[in-house]
Amino acid sequence: MRGGATRAAGDTPGGEAHLGRALEAFESTGATFEAAMTRLELVRALAARGETPGAQAHLAEAITALQAARVPRRVAEARALAGALGLIAAGCD
């Protein structure tokens, strides 16, 4: 994923911009799983710069979509990410 790679290279704003465009593209084409995974990358980026409300919102959306897609392994990964970042995954059931 280009946004995650850009962010990893130290360009957080550029990475977030790429992720935002990817999210829009995935959502506009109905690619809900890919959108959810992109949201998890956005969670990482937003949490890294202290944007907790935005990270929390993307986390909730991602977990809801992953539950709907019936991919429990990815739901568990999202919940683990929430714990590692100090976010709340509760209420996303």
Protein backbone atom coordinates (compact mmCIF):
# COMPACT_ATOMS: atom_id res chain seq x y z
CA MET A 1 0.00 0.00 0.00
CA ARG A 2 1.58 3.23 -1.14
CA GLY A 3 0.26 5.39 1.71
CA GLY A 4 1.60 3.06 4.37
CA ALA A 5 4.97 2.88 2.63
CA THR A 6 5.12 6.66 2.27
CA ARG A 7 4.26 7.08 5.94
CA ALA A 8 6.89 4.50 6.90
CA ALA A 9 9.47 6.48 4.94
CA GLY A 10 8.79 9.47 7.18
CA ASP A 11 6.31 11.40 5.05
CA THR A 12 3.31 11.19 7.37
CA PRO A 13 1.23 13.92 5.65
CA GLY A 14 1.96 12.45 2.22
CA GLY A 15 1.12 8.98 3.46
CA GLU A 16 -2.14 10.13 4.95
CA ALA A 17 -3.06 11.86 1.69
CA HIS A 18 -2.40 8.67 -0.30
CA LEU A 19 -4.40 6.64 2.20
CA GLY A 20 -7.27 9.12 2.04
CA ARG A 21 -7.39 8.88 -1.75
CA ALA A 22 -7.20 5.09 -1.61
CA LEU A 23 -10.05 5.01 0.90
CA GLU A 24 -12.21 7.20 -1.32
CA ALA A 25 -11.48 4.98 -4.33
CA PHE A 26 -12.24 1.77 -2.46
CA GLU A 27 -15.46 3.13 -1.02
CA SER A 28 -16.63 4.49 -4.37
CA THR A 29 -16.21 1.07 -5.98
CA GLY A 30 -17.73 -0.94 -3.13
CA ALA A 31 -14.42 -2.55 -2.15
CA THR A 32 -15.37 -2.67 1.53
CA PHE A 33 -12.66 -5.06 2.70
CA GLU A 34 -9.93 -2.97 1.09
CA ALA A 35 -11.49 0.18 2.52
CA ALA A 36 -11.46 -1.37 5.99
CA MET A 37 -7.81 -2.35 5.69
CA THR A 38 -6.97 1.17 4.48
CA ARG A 39 -8.82 2.56 7.48
CA LEU A 40 -6.55 0.51 9.74
CA GLU A 41 -3.52 2.15 8.12
CA LEU A 42 -5.18 5.52 8.73
CA VAL A 43 -5.71 4.52 12.36
CA ARG A 44 -1.96 3.96 12.70
CA ALA A 45 -1.12 7.27 11.02
CA LEU A 46 -3.63 9.33 12.99
CA ALA A 47 -2.73 7.74 16.31
CA ALA A 48 0.97 8.38 15.63
CA ARG A 49 0.33 12.10 15.51
CA GLY A 50 -2.08 12.12 18.43
CA GLU A 51 -5.31 12.48 16.44
CA THR A 52 -7.22 10.09 18.71
CA PRO A 53 -10.79 11.01 17.71
CA GLY A 54 -10.05 10.45 14.02
CA ALA A 55 -8.20 7.22 14.73
CA GLN A 56 -11.07 6.02 16.91
CA ALA A 57 -13.64 6.78 14.21
CA HIS A 58 -11.69 4.93 11.51
CA LEU A 59 -11.14 2.01 13.89
CA ALA A 60 -14.87 1.66 14.55
CA GLU A 61 -15.66 1.81 10.82
CA ALA A 62 -12.97 -0.76 10.03
CA ILE A 63 -14.10 -3.21 12.70
CA THR A 64 -17.73 -2.90 11.64
CA ALA A 65 -16.82 -3.57 8.00
CA LEU A 66 -14.54 -6.48 8.86
CA GLN A 67 -17.25 -8.04 11.03
CA ALA A 68 -19.73 -7.66 8.16
CA ALA A 69 -17.21 -9.29 5.81
CA ARG A 70 -16.94 -12.17 8.29
CA VAL A 71 -13.17 -12.13 8.59
CA PRO A 72 -12.63 -12.81 12.30
CA ARG A 73 -8.84 -12.92 11.98
CA ARG A 74 -8.82 -9.34 10.68
CA VAL A 75 -11.29 -8.25 13.38
CA ALA A 76 -8.92 -9.70 15.98
CA GLU A 77 -5.99 -7.87 14.37
CA ALA A 78 -7.94 -4.60 14.46
CA ARG A 79 -8.79 -5.12 18.13
CA ALA A 80 -5.14 -5.91 18.88
CA LEU A 81 -4.12 -2.72 17.07
CA ALA A 82 -6.61 -0.79 19.19
CA GLY A 83 -5.05 -2.22 22.34
CA ALA A 84 -1.52 -1.48 21.19
CA LEU A 85 -2.45 2.14 20.41
CA GLY A 86 -4.52 2.67 23.53
CA LEU A 87 -7.76 3.03 21.56
CA ILE A 88 -11.14 1.60 22.45
CA ALA A 89 -12.44 -1.29 20.36
CA ALA A 90 -15.42 -1.85 22.66
CA GLY A 91 -18.80 -1.02 21.26
CA CYS A 92 -17.76 -2.16 17.80
CA ASP A 93 -19.50 -5.52 18.19
